[in-house]
Amino acid sequence: METSTTGNLTGSAVIWSAFANEALQAVFDLRWMIVFSLVLIAVDFWWGCRESKMRYLRYGDERNKIRKSRAGRRTVNKLVDYLSYLLIGCVLGLAITEPLGLMGHTATAAIGLGAGCLFEIDSIIDHVCYVHGIEKRFNVWKFAKAWVASRWKGFGNAIDEGLGKGHEHHHHHFNENEEYETETDTEVQKS
């Protein structure tokens, strides 16, 4: 009885060791992207503290007073979030994109971590604009969507349709000659 339990534990340890090895390989391959995200977290912390201090001095609102415990907790949560983005991307790559031959697990991990970096960059831009009294006009997500749409036209249209933007309803009908026609909302409104 003991030997079968020991054998099962050894087999499980080997399997989990293989999983951990692949995940650690992705972490090693993306080490500079991880360093970049750590720099982004530090920069966001700095500008977030400046914005909170400015709001506290301007409005005297206690909610904007800098609390070290809250700031530290949020920063540590961001570190955990970034590692989660990386690991989720890695697992999606190993489970879906690699077997389908689309891309490797390191690429999907980079996409996951890249999405986290975009969140952080957007936050930094918000803080900097507030501190300098600039009304924010730049949206990182709109820029990223435009870049994706410029590279892959069909994918950009799919994003718009999925979000319900830029999608016109089509009206199908027969014309006087009994030919099938399609009109968009704007064409129907003009007539």
Protein backbone atom coordinates (compact mmCIF):
# COMPACT_ATOMS: atom_id res chain seq x y z
CA MET A 1 0.00 0.00 0.00
CA GLU A 2 2.81 2.42 0.87
CA THR A 3 4.66 1.80 -2.35
CA SER A 4 1.64 2.62 -4.52
CA THR A 5 1.10 5.88 -2.61
CA THR A 6 4.78 6.71 -2.99
CA GLY A 7 4.59 5.86 -6.68
CA ASN A 8 1.55 8.10 -7.15
CA LEU A 9 3.27 10.97 -5.34
CA THR A 10 6.40 10.55 -7.45
CA GLY A 11 4.36 10.54 -10.66
CA SER A 12 2.48 13.66 -9.57
CA ALA A 13 5.73 15.37 -8.63
CA VAL A 14 7.18 14.62 -12.08
CA ILE A 15 4.09 16.00 -13.83
CA TRP A 16 3.99 19.16 -11.70
CA SER A 17 7.74 19.57 -12.17
CA ALA A 18 7.27 19.53 -15.95
CA PHE A 19 4.52 22.17 -15.71
CA ALA A 20 6.65 24.33 -13.44
CA ASN A 21 9.65 23.95 -15.75
CA GLU A 22 7.68 25.23 -18.77
CA ALA A 23 6.25 28.13 -16.75
CA LEU A 24 9.71 29.06 -15.45
CA GLN A 25 11.07 28.91 -19.00
CA ALA A 26 8.43 31.46 -20.07
CA VAL A 27 9.36 33.65 -17.08
CA PHE A 28 13.03 33.43 -18.07
CA ASP A 29 12.30 34.19 -21.73
CA LEU A 30 10.26 37.24 -20.73
CA ARG A 31 12.57 38.47 -17.97
CA TRP A 32 13.14 41.86 -19.59
CA MET A 33 9.44 42.36 -20.12
CA ILE A 34 8.96 41.57 -16.42
CA VAL A 35 11.64 44.14 -15.54
CA PHE A 36 9.84 46.65 -17.77
CA SER A 37 6.54 45.97 -15.98
CA LEU A 38 8.29 46.46 -12.60
CA VAL A 39 9.57 49.83 -13.82
CA LEU A 40 6.04 50.72 -14.95
CA ILE A 41 4.65 49.79 -11.53
CA ALA A 42 7.26 51.99 -9.80
CA VAL A 43 6.53 54.92 -12.14
CA ASP A 44 2.77 54.52 -11.63
CA PHE A 45 3.33 54.44 -7.85
CA TRP A 46 5.34 57.68 -8.02
CA TRP A 47 2.84 59.56 -10.19
CA GLY A 48 -0.13 58.12 -8.29
CA CYS A 49 1.31 59.44 -5.03
CA ARG A 50 1.87 62.87 -6.59
CA GLU A 51 -1.70 62.95 -7.87
CA SER A 52 -3.10 61.89 -4.48
CA LYS A 53 -1.03 64.53 -2.69
CA MET A 54 -2.21 67.18 -5.14
CA ARG A 55 -5.85 66.15 -4.73
CA TYR A 56 -5.48 66.16 -0.92
CA LEU A 57 -3.92 69.64 -0.91
CA ARG A 58 -6.44 70.98 -3.42
CA TYR A 59 -9.64 69.52 -1.95
CA GLY A 60 -8.65 68.54 1.61
CA ASP A 61 -10.44 65.23 1.11
CA GLU A 62 -9.20 62.54 3.51
CA ARG A 63 -9.85 59.85 0.85
CA ASN A 64 -6.94 61.25 -1.17
CA LYS A 65 -4.50 61.28 1.73
CA ILE A 66 -1.58 58.95 0.99
CA ARG A 67 -1.70 55.84 3.16
CA LYS A 68 1.45 53.75 2.99
CA SER A 69 -0.35 50.51 3.80
CA ARG A 70 -2.90 51.00 1.02
CA ALA A 71 -0.28 52.10 -1.51
CA GLY A 72 1.94 49.15 -0.62
CA ARG A 73 -0.94 46.69 -0.80
CA ARG A 74 -2.02 47.97 -4.22
CA THR A 75 1.56 47.79 -5.51
CA VAL A 76 2.01 44.19 -4.31
CA ASN A 77 -1.37 43.31 -5.85
CA LYS A 78 -0.14 44.68 -9.17
CA LEU A 79 2.96 42.48 -8.98
CA VAL A 80 0.75 39.44 -8.40
CA ASP A 81 -1.57 40.54 -11.22
CA TYR A 82 1.31 40.79 -13.68
CA LEU A 83 2.59 37.33 -12.82
CA SER A 84 -1.00 36.08 -13.22
CA TYR A 85 -1.24 37.67 -16.69
CA LEU A 86 2.01 35.97 -17.63
CA LEU A 87 0.98 32.56 -16.30
CA ILE A 88 -2.53 32.73 -17.82
CA GLY A 89 -0.98 33.60 -21.18
CA CYS A 90 1.50 30.75 -20.80
CA VAL A 91 -1.22 28.22 -19.92
CA LEU A 92 -3.46 29.40 -22.79
CA GLY A 93 -0.50 28.98 -25.10
CA LEU A 94 0.29 25.49 -23.87
CA ALA A 95 -3.36 24.43 -23.89
CA ILE A 96 -4.66 26.10 -27.05
CA THR A 97 -2.37 28.08 -29.34
CA GLU A 98 0.63 25.71 -29.36
CA PRO A 99 -1.38 22.54 -30.14
CA LEU A 100 -3.22 24.41 -32.90
CA GLY A 101 0.09 25.65 -34.32
CA LEU A 102 -0.88 29.32 -33.97
CA MET A 103 1.93 30.55 -31.71
CA GLY A 104 4.13 29.36 -28.88
CA HIS A 105 3.33 29.64 -25.19
CA THR A 106 5.99 32.32 -24.72
CA ALA A 107 4.25 34.53 -27.29
CA THR A 108 0.87 34.16 -25.56
CA ALA A 109 2.52 34.86 -22.20
CA ALA A 110 4.02 38.01 -23.74
CA ILE A 111 0.56 39.04 -24.97
CA GLY A 112 -0.86 38.55 -21.46
CA LEU A 113 1.94 40.54 -19.85
CA GLY A 114 1.71 43.15 -22.61
CA ALA A 115 -1.98 43.70 -21.80
CA GLY A 116 -1.00 44.34 -18.18
CA CYS A 117 1.64 46.81 -19.31
CA LEU A 118 -0.99 48.66 -21.37
CA PHE A 119 -3.15 48.99 -18.24
CA GLU A 120 -0.18 50.46 -16.39
CA ILE A 121 0.79 52.86 -19.17
CA ASP A 122 -2.80 54.13 -19.34
CA SER A 123 -2.77 54.70 -15.58
CA ILE A 124 0.55 56.56 -15.74
CA ILE A 125 -0.76 58.81 -18.51
CA ASP A 126 -3.84 59.60 -16.39
CA HIS A 127 -1.68 60.54 -13.38
CA VAL A 128 0.76 62.67 -15.37
CA CYS A 129 -2.05 64.51 -17.16
CA TYR A 130 -3.83 65.27 -13.88
CA VAL A 131 -0.66 66.52 -12.15
CA HIS A 132 0.15 68.81 -15.08
CA GLY A 133 -3.44 69.98 -15.55
CA ILE A 134 -3.83 68.44 -18.99
CA GLU A 135 -7.15 67.10 -20.16
CA LYS A 136 -6.37 63.57 -21.31
CA ARG A 137 -6.94 63.09 -25.03
CA PHE A 138 -4.89 59.95 -25.60
CA ASN A 139 -6.30 56.52 -24.93
CA VAL A 140 -3.85 53.60 -24.97
CA TRP A 141 -6.61 51.09 -25.72
CA LYS A 142 -7.90 53.02 -28.75
CA PHE A 143 -4.32 53.26 -30.00
CA ALA A 144 -3.77 49.52 -29.51
CA LYS A 145 -7.05 48.71 -31.29
CA ALA A 146 -6.13 51.01 -34.18
CA TRP A 147 -2.71 49.34 -34.46
CA VAL A 148 -4.25 45.86 -34.49
CA ALA A 149 -6.86 46.99 -37.04
CA SER A 150 -4.13 48.44 -39.28
CA ARG A 151 -2.25 45.13 -39.21
CA TRP A 152 -5.23 42.81 -39.53
CA LYS A 153 -8.26 44.55 -41.05
CA GLY A 154 -10.72 41.72 -40.39
CA PHE A 155 -9.67 41.52 -36.74
CA GLY A 156 -10.27 45.26 -36.23
CA ASN A 157 -13.75 44.94 -37.74
CA ALA A 158 -14.44 41.94 -35.50
CA ILE A 159 -13.46 43.99 -32.44
CA ASP A 160 -15.82 46.79 -33.51
CA GLU A 161 -18.68 44.38 -34.11
CA GLY A 162 -18.00 42.56 -30.85
CA LEU A 163 -18.15 45.84 -28.95
CA GLY A 164 -21.19 46.97 -30.93
CA LYS A 165 -19.35 49.94 -32.45
CA GLY A 166 -19.21 50.97 -36.06
CA HIS A 167 -21.71 48.30 -37.00
CA GLU A 168 -24.53 49.40 -39.22
CA HIS A 169 -27.64 47.32 -39.53
CA HIS A 170 -28.29 46.06 -43.01
CA HIS A 171 -31.78 46.09 -44.51
CA HIS A 172 -32.42 43.37 -47.05
CA HIS A 173 -35.25 43.74 -49.55
CA PHE A 174 -36.23 43.35 -53.19
CA ASN A 175 -36.25 46.43 -55.46
CA GLU A 176 -38.73 47.24 -58.25
CA ASN A 177 -37.01 44.79 -60.60
CA GLU A 178 -37.26 42.07 -57.94
CA GLU A 179 -33.48 42.09 -57.42
CA TYR A 180 -32.19 41.46 -53.92
CA GLU A 181 -30.59 44.59 -52.37
CA THR A 182 -28.91 45.50 -49.13
CA GLU A 183 -28.97 49.00 -47.64
CA THR A 184 -27.25 50.29 -44.51
CA ASP A 185 -28.94 52.45 -41.86
CA THR A 186 -27.43 55.65 -43.30
CA GLU A 187 -28.70 54.87 -46.80
CA VAL A 188 -32.20 54.20 -45.46
CA GLN A 189 -32.20 57.48 -43.51
CA LYS A 190 -31.23 59.46 -46.66
CA SER A 191 -34.21 58.13 -48.62
